[in-house]
Protein backbone atom coordinates (compact mmCIF):
# COMPACT_ATOMS: atom_id res chain seq x y z
CA MET A 1 17.69 -39.49 89.52
CA VAL A 2 18.63 -42.58 87.64
CA ASN A 3 22.37 -42.58 86.79
CA GLU A 4 22.56 -38.83 87.34
CA PRO A 5 23.35 -37.03 90.58
CA ALA A 6 20.62 -34.86 92.07
CA VAL A 7 21.16 -31.21 92.92
CA THR A 8 21.32 -30.82 96.67
CA PRO A 9 19.32 -28.39 98.80
CA ALA A 10 22.56 -26.46 99.46
CA GLN A 11 23.25 -26.20 95.72
CA VAL A 12 19.72 -24.92 95.11
CA ARG A 13 20.10 -22.26 97.83
CA ALA A 14 23.55 -21.27 96.52
CA ALA A 15 22.38 -21.04 92.92
CA ARG A 16 19.39 -18.89 93.89
CA ALA A 17 21.65 -16.60 95.91
CA TRP A 18 24.16 -16.30 93.06
CA LEU A 19 21.39 -15.32 90.65
CA SER A 20 19.59 -13.15 93.25
CA TRP A 21 16.45 -15.24 92.70
CA SER A 22 13.77 -15.61 95.31
CA GLN A 23 11.97 -18.91 95.72
CA ASP A 24 9.10 -17.31 93.81
CA ASP A 25 11.48 -16.46 90.94
CA LEU A 26 12.70 -20.05 90.80
CA SER A 27 9.12 -21.28 90.95
CA ALA A 28 8.16 -19.15 87.95
CA LYS A 29 11.20 -20.26 85.94
CA SER A 30 10.95 -23.97 86.78
CA GLY A 31 7.22 -24.59 87.10
CA ILE A 32 7.75 -26.03 90.59
CA SER A 33 5.70 -24.63 93.45
CA GLN A 34 7.36 -22.24 95.88
CA ARG A 35 6.26 -24.49 98.73
CA SER A 36 8.01 -27.52 97.19
CA ILE A 37 11.18 -25.48 96.71
CA ALA A 38 11.10 -24.24 100.31
CA ARG A 39 10.52 -27.74 101.69
CA TYR A 40 13.44 -29.15 99.67
CA GLU A 41 15.80 -26.33 100.63
CA GLN A 42 14.92 -26.93 104.30
CA GLY A 43 15.56 -30.67 103.95
CA ARG A 44 11.94 -31.43 104.75
CA SER A 45 11.16 -33.36 101.55
CA VAL A 46 12.70 -35.44 98.80
CA PRO A 47 11.27 -34.33 95.45
CA TYR A 48 10.47 -36.55 92.52
CA ASP A 49 13.22 -36.95 89.92
CA ASP A 50 11.19 -34.84 87.48
CA THR A 51 11.05 -31.98 89.98
CA LEU A 52 14.82 -32.02 90.49
CA MET A 53 15.40 -32.11 86.75
CA LYS A 54 13.17 -29.04 86.27
CA LEU A 55 15.01 -27.12 89.00
CA LYS A 56 18.39 -28.04 87.52
CA ALA A 57 17.25 -27.11 84.00
CA ALA A 58 16.03 -23.69 85.14
CA PHE A 59 19.38 -22.93 86.73
CA GLU A 60 21.37 -24.28 83.79
CA ALA A 61 19.36 -22.06 81.41
CA ALA A 62 20.50 -19.11 83.54
CA GLY A 63 24.16 -20.17 83.30
CA ILE A 64 24.66 -22.17 86.50
CA ARG A 65 26.78 -25.33 86.34
CA PHE A 66 26.49 -27.91 89.10
CA HIS A 67 29.55 -29.85 90.28
CA PHE A 68 29.53 -33.39 91.62
CA VAL A 69 32.03 -35.97 92.82
CA GLY A 70 30.32 -39.21 92.01
CA MET A 71 26.75 -38.73 93.21
CA LEU A 72 27.70 -36.07 95.80
CA GLY A 73 26.93 -32.44 95.00
CA THR A 74 30.03 -30.38 95.73
CA GLY A 75 29.36 -26.88 94.41
CA ILE A 76 28.26 -24.57 91.62
CA SER A 77 29.82 -22.18 89.11
CA MET A 78 28.78 -20.00 86.21
CA ILE A 79 29.14 -21.27 82.65
């Protein structure tokens, strides 16, 4: 993402767990395919910036805040 840190696979997994969302739930809320989510969480792909923005937006709408130090994802919390 240009000038903005990208959510990491670990942050995506943690946010889903915190919200008790399955990959299918996240897919429905973000418009990103379940397969793309699974591949990213497994570290098997690097999504487009738009994909990462949609994932982040879906979580933020549910109250998740992502934490970064510079461009490094360091954790999550609830708003």
